[in-house]
């Protein structure tokens, strides 16, 4: 069976006017991961990713650390859902739940988790960019594309975002929709989820690993946003 290494993008620019770009630390996380792969002589047949800036920058950083250029396959099905629009829709319906000014990041996490639950149940009003079902369908289409095009390869690298990764794994595990909400906020920046696949099945072997950060001088580089 072919192997997949599903990587969440490096730390993005949360709290700025443009989240969709890596922070300085995010770029470093990606390079460190590439160096980790290179030290173990782990080559890849292809790099698949969504078309968001943070995905492309993460892929580029991994390749820099690896010291190679990989054939790119960009698939919009691997893009993140528009979490800001989902949270905004939720808070417009429940303004009393809005985090106060200067609230910790944990307050935003709580709002996002609750907003996702309402979105999943089709309880949000307004002009949302996509429904939960359309999000699910496009991630499944990306997974099917990977199975169809890469089952004859040895190892592929996939770069995506937490929500899309959680949905990818939900389909792989044939799990309930609640799984996506729970997994989404656990996935660390530049973490690796490893598994196997052919053109019929996808099997997960390990989840949310950060071996390139698992050392005393890099513990503070483990991030979630």
Protein backbone atom coordinates (compact mmCIF):
# COMPACT_ATOMS: atom_id res chain seq x y z
CA UNK A 1 0.00 0.00 0.00
CA UNK A 2 1.06 3.58 -0.56
CA UNK A 3 1.79 5.80 2.43
CA UNK A 4 0.46 9.29 3.09
CA UNK A 5 1.96 11.91 5.38
CA UNK A 6 -0.79 14.42 6.08
CA UNK A 7 0.67 17.67 7.45
CA UNK A 8 -1.11 20.64 8.95
CA UNK A 9 0.30 23.99 7.84
CA UNK A 10 2.80 25.78 10.06
CA UNK A 11 1.70 28.47 12.48
CA UNK A 12 -0.29 31.09 10.60
CA UNK A 13 -0.71 34.78 11.37
CA UNK A 14 -3.58 34.67 13.86
CA UNK A 15 -4.51 38.07 15.23
CA UNK A 16 -3.26 39.99 12.19
CA UNK A 17 -5.19 41.39 9.24
CA UNK A 18 -4.26 38.34 7.14
CA UNK A 19 -4.37 34.93 8.79
CA UNK A 20 -3.52 33.15 5.53
CA UNK A 21 0.25 33.44 5.69
CA UNK A 22 2.81 31.75 7.88
CA UNK A 23 4.39 33.49 10.81
CA UNK A 24 8.16 33.44 11.12
CA UNK A 25 7.78 30.46 13.45
CA UNK A 26 5.45 28.77 10.96
CA UNK A 27 8.13 28.95 8.26
CA UNK A 28 10.66 27.50 10.70
CA UNK A 29 8.33 24.65 11.70
CA UNK A 30 8.01 23.67 8.04
CA UNK A 31 11.77 23.75 7.45
CA UNK A 32 12.39 21.69 10.58
CA UNK A 33 9.91 19.08 9.39
CA UNK A 34 11.64 18.89 6.02
CA UNK A 35 14.98 18.47 7.76
CA UNK A 36 13.49 15.69 9.89
CA UNK A 37 12.38 13.86 6.75
CA UNK A 38 15.78 14.42 5.11
CA UNK A 39 17.69 13.07 8.12
CA UNK A 40 15.72 9.84 7.73
CA UNK A 41 16.16 9.72 3.97
CA UNK A 42 12.40 9.92 3.48
CA UNK A 43 11.65 10.79 -0.12
CA UNK A 44 8.22 11.62 -1.50
CA UNK A 45 6.73 11.02 -4.92
CA UNK A 46 4.53 14.11 -4.86
CA UNK A 47 3.37 17.06 -2.78
CA UNK A 48 -0.38 17.63 -2.66
CA UNK A 49 -1.92 20.65 -0.99
CA UNK A 50 -4.79 23.06 -0.93
CA UNK A 51 -4.34 26.36 -2.73
CA UNK A 52 -4.22 28.59 0.36
CA UNK A 53 -1.08 30.65 0.91
CA UNK A 54 -0.32 28.94 4.22
CA UNK A 55 -0.48 25.54 2.50
CA UNK A 56 1.84 26.55 -0.32
CA UNK A 57 4.30 28.21 2.07
CA UNK A 58 4.35 25.13 4.29
CA UNK A 59 5.00 22.86 1.33
CA UNK A 60 7.80 25.14 0.16
CA UNK A 61 9.39 25.14 3.61
CA UNK A 62 9.28 21.36 3.86
CA UNK A 63 10.90 21.07 0.43
CA UNK A 64 13.57 23.56 1.51
CA UNK A 65 14.34 21.44 4.55
CA UNK A 66 14.33 18.29 2.43
CA UNK A 67 16.61 19.89 -0.11
CA UNK A 68 14.44 18.78 -3.03
CA UNK A 69 11.69 20.10 -5.27
CA UNK A 70 8.61 17.88 -5.38
CA UNK A 71 5.97 17.67 -8.13
CA UNK A 72 3.01 19.73 -6.88
CA UNK A 73 -0.63 18.76 -7.16
CA UNK A 74 -2.93 21.56 -5.96
CA UNK A 75 -6.46 20.49 -5.00
CA UNK A 76 -8.89 23.03 -3.56
CA UNK A 77 -10.73 20.22 -1.79
CA UNK A 78 -7.92 20.30 0.78
CA UNK A 79 -8.64 23.93 1.67
CA UNK A 80 -9.90 24.88 5.10
CA UNK A 81 -13.51 25.87 5.62
CA UNK A 82 -14.02 29.60 6.19
CA UNK A 83 -13.90 29.44 9.98
CA UNK A 84 -14.19 33.20 10.40
CA UNK A 85 -17.48 33.29 8.49
CA UNK A 86 -18.81 30.39 10.55
CA UNK A 87 -17.88 32.10 13.82
CA UNK A 88 -19.29 35.44 12.63
CA UNK A 89 -22.60 33.80 11.70
CA UNK A 90 -22.78 32.10 15.09
CA UNK A 91 -22.02 35.28 17.02
CA UNK A 92 -24.52 37.29 15.01
CA UNK A 93 -27.20 34.86 16.23
CA UNK A 94 -25.79 34.59 19.75
CA UNK A 95 -24.04 37.92 20.43
CA UNK A 96 -23.96 37.23 24.15
CA UNK A 97 -21.41 34.47 23.42
CA UNK A 98 -18.89 36.84 21.82
CA UNK A 99 -15.47 36.80 23.53
CA UNK A 100 -14.70 40.12 25.17
CA UNK A 101 -11.97 42.41 23.93
CA UNK A 102 -8.60 41.07 25.03
CA UNK A 103 -10.04 37.61 25.70
CA UNK A 104 -7.53 34.73 25.53
CA UNK A 105 -7.25 32.56 22.43
CA UNK A 106 -9.08 29.82 24.36
CA UNK A 107 -12.24 31.94 24.19
CA UNK A 108 -12.03 31.97 20.39
CA UNK A 109 -11.49 28.19 20.39
CA UNK A 110 -14.65 27.76 22.45
CA UNK A 111 -16.65 29.98 20.10
CA UNK A 112 -15.31 28.12 17.05
CA UNK A 113 -16.14 24.72 18.51
CA UNK A 114 -19.70 25.77 19.31
CA UNK A 115 -20.10 27.48 15.93
CA UNK A 116 -19.00 24.31 14.15
CA UNK A 117 -21.61 22.30 16.02
CA UNK A 118 -24.35 24.71 14.92
CA UNK A 119 -22.99 24.66 11.36
CA UNK A 120 -22.96 20.87 11.30
CA UNK A 121 -26.62 20.82 12.37
CA UNK A 122 -27.53 23.44 9.73
CA UNK A 123 -28.60 25.87 12.46
CA UNK A 124 -26.69 28.92 11.25
CA UNK A 125 -28.42 31.58 9.18
CA UNK A 126 -26.96 34.02 6.71
CA UNK A 127 -25.02 33.73 3.48
CA UNK A 128 -22.39 31.16 4.43
CA UNK A 129 -19.64 30.29 1.93
CA UNK A 130 -20.54 26.59 2.04
CA UNK A 131 -22.68 24.10 3.90
CA UNK A 132 -21.30 21.39 6.12
CA UNK A 133 -22.31 18.85 3.47
CA UNK A 134 -20.49 20.68 0.68
CA UNK A 135 -17.38 20.89 2.88
CA UNK A 136 -17.61 17.16 3.53
CA UNK A 137 -18.14 16.39 -0.16
CA UNK A 138 -15.16 18.39 -1.41
CA UNK A 139 -12.77 16.86 1.13
CA UNK A 140 -14.04 13.42 0.14
CA UNK A 141 -13.43 14.33 -3.51
CA UNK A 142 -9.84 15.26 -2.63
CA UNK A 143 -9.37 11.95 -0.84
CA UNK A 144 -10.79 10.05 -3.81
CA UNK A 145 -8.42 11.95 -6.12
CA UNK A 146 -5.45 10.94 -3.98
CA UNK A 147 -6.53 7.30 -3.98
CA UNK A 148 -7.10 7.27 -7.73
CA UNK A 149 -3.92 9.04 -8.77
CA UNK A 150 -1.35 7.93 -6.18
CA UNK A 151 -2.17 4.39 -5.07
CA UNK A 152 0.72 3.09 -7.18
CA UNK A 153 3.24 5.40 -5.48
CA UNK A 154 5.38 4.72 -2.44
CA UNK A 155 4.94 7.86 -0.34
CA UNK A 156 3.04 11.13 -0.79
CA UNK A 157 3.08 14.34 1.24
CA UNK A 158 -0.21 16.18 1.77
CA UNK A 159 -0.46 19.69 3.26
CA UNK A 160 -3.81 20.95 4.50
CA UNK A 161 -5.54 22.60 7.47
CA UNK A 162 -6.97 21.32 10.74
CA UNK A 163 -10.64 21.25 9.75
CA UNK A 164 -10.04 19.68 6.35
CA UNK A 165 -7.67 17.14 7.89
CA UNK A 166 -10.27 16.27 10.52
CA UNK A 167 -12.86 15.77 7.78
CA UNK A 168 -10.38 13.66 5.77
CA UNK A 169 -9.86 11.42 8.80
CA UNK A 170 -13.60 11.29 9.51
CA UNK A 171 -14.11 9.78 6.07
CA UNK A 172 -11.14 7.43 6.46
CA UNK A 173 -12.42 6.14 9.80
CA UNK A 174 -16.09 6.19 8.75
CA UNK A 175 -16.69 8.15 11.95
CA UNK A 176 -19.52 10.43 13.03
CA UNK A 177 -19.58 14.11 12.10
CA UNK A 178 -18.89 15.01 15.74
CA UNK A 179 -15.41 13.59 15.19
CA UNK A 180 -14.53 16.50 12.92
CA UNK A 181 -15.37 19.07 15.59
CA UNK A 182 -13.38 17.23 18.25
CA UNK A 183 -10.31 16.52 16.11
CA UNK A 184 -10.11 19.96 14.53
CA UNK A 185 -8.94 21.82 17.62
CA UNK A 186 -6.44 19.14 18.63
CA UNK A 187 -4.30 19.23 15.50
CA UNK A 188 -0.97 20.97 15.99
CA UNK A 189 0.79 23.19 13.49
CA UNK A 190 3.15 21.24 11.21
CA UNK A 191 1.99 17.97 12.79
CA UNK A 192 2.09 14.74 10.80
CA UNK A 193 -0.68 12.18 10.52
CA UNK A 194 0.55 9.01 8.84
CA UNK A 195 -1.37 6.27 7.13
CA UNK A 196 -1.67 3.86 4.23
CA UNK A 197 -3.98 3.71 1.23
CA UNK A 198 -4.81 2.02 -2.01
CA UNK A 199 -7.59 2.70 -4.47
CA UNK A 200 -10.14 1.08 -2.16
CA UNK A 201 -9.28 1.94 1.44
CA UNK A 202 -7.49 4.50 3.62
CA UNK A 203 -6.02 3.38 6.94
CA UNK A 204 -4.58 5.61 9.64
CA UNK A 205 -1.43 4.57 11.51
CA UNK A 206 -0.62 7.60 13.69
CA UNK A 207 -2.09 11.00 14.43
CA UNK A 208 -0.89 14.53 15.17
CA UNK A 209 2.81 13.79 15.65
CA UNK A 210 5.47 16.52 15.91
CA UNK A 211 8.73 14.54 16.03
CA UNK A 212 10.67 17.51 14.62
CA UNK A 213 9.60 19.58 17.65
CA UNK A 214 9.91 16.84 20.28
CA UNK A 215 13.09 18.11 21.90
CA UNK A 216 13.65 20.43 24.88
CA UNK A 217 14.81 23.42 22.85
CA UNK A 218 11.70 23.31 20.63
CA UNK A 219 8.86 22.62 23.07
CA UNK A 220 7.76 26.26 22.87
CA UNK A 221 7.51 25.89 19.09
CA UNK A 222 4.52 23.54 19.47
CA UNK A 223 1.50 25.63 18.50
CA UNK A 224 -2.14 25.17 17.57
CA UNK A 225 -3.09 28.25 15.55
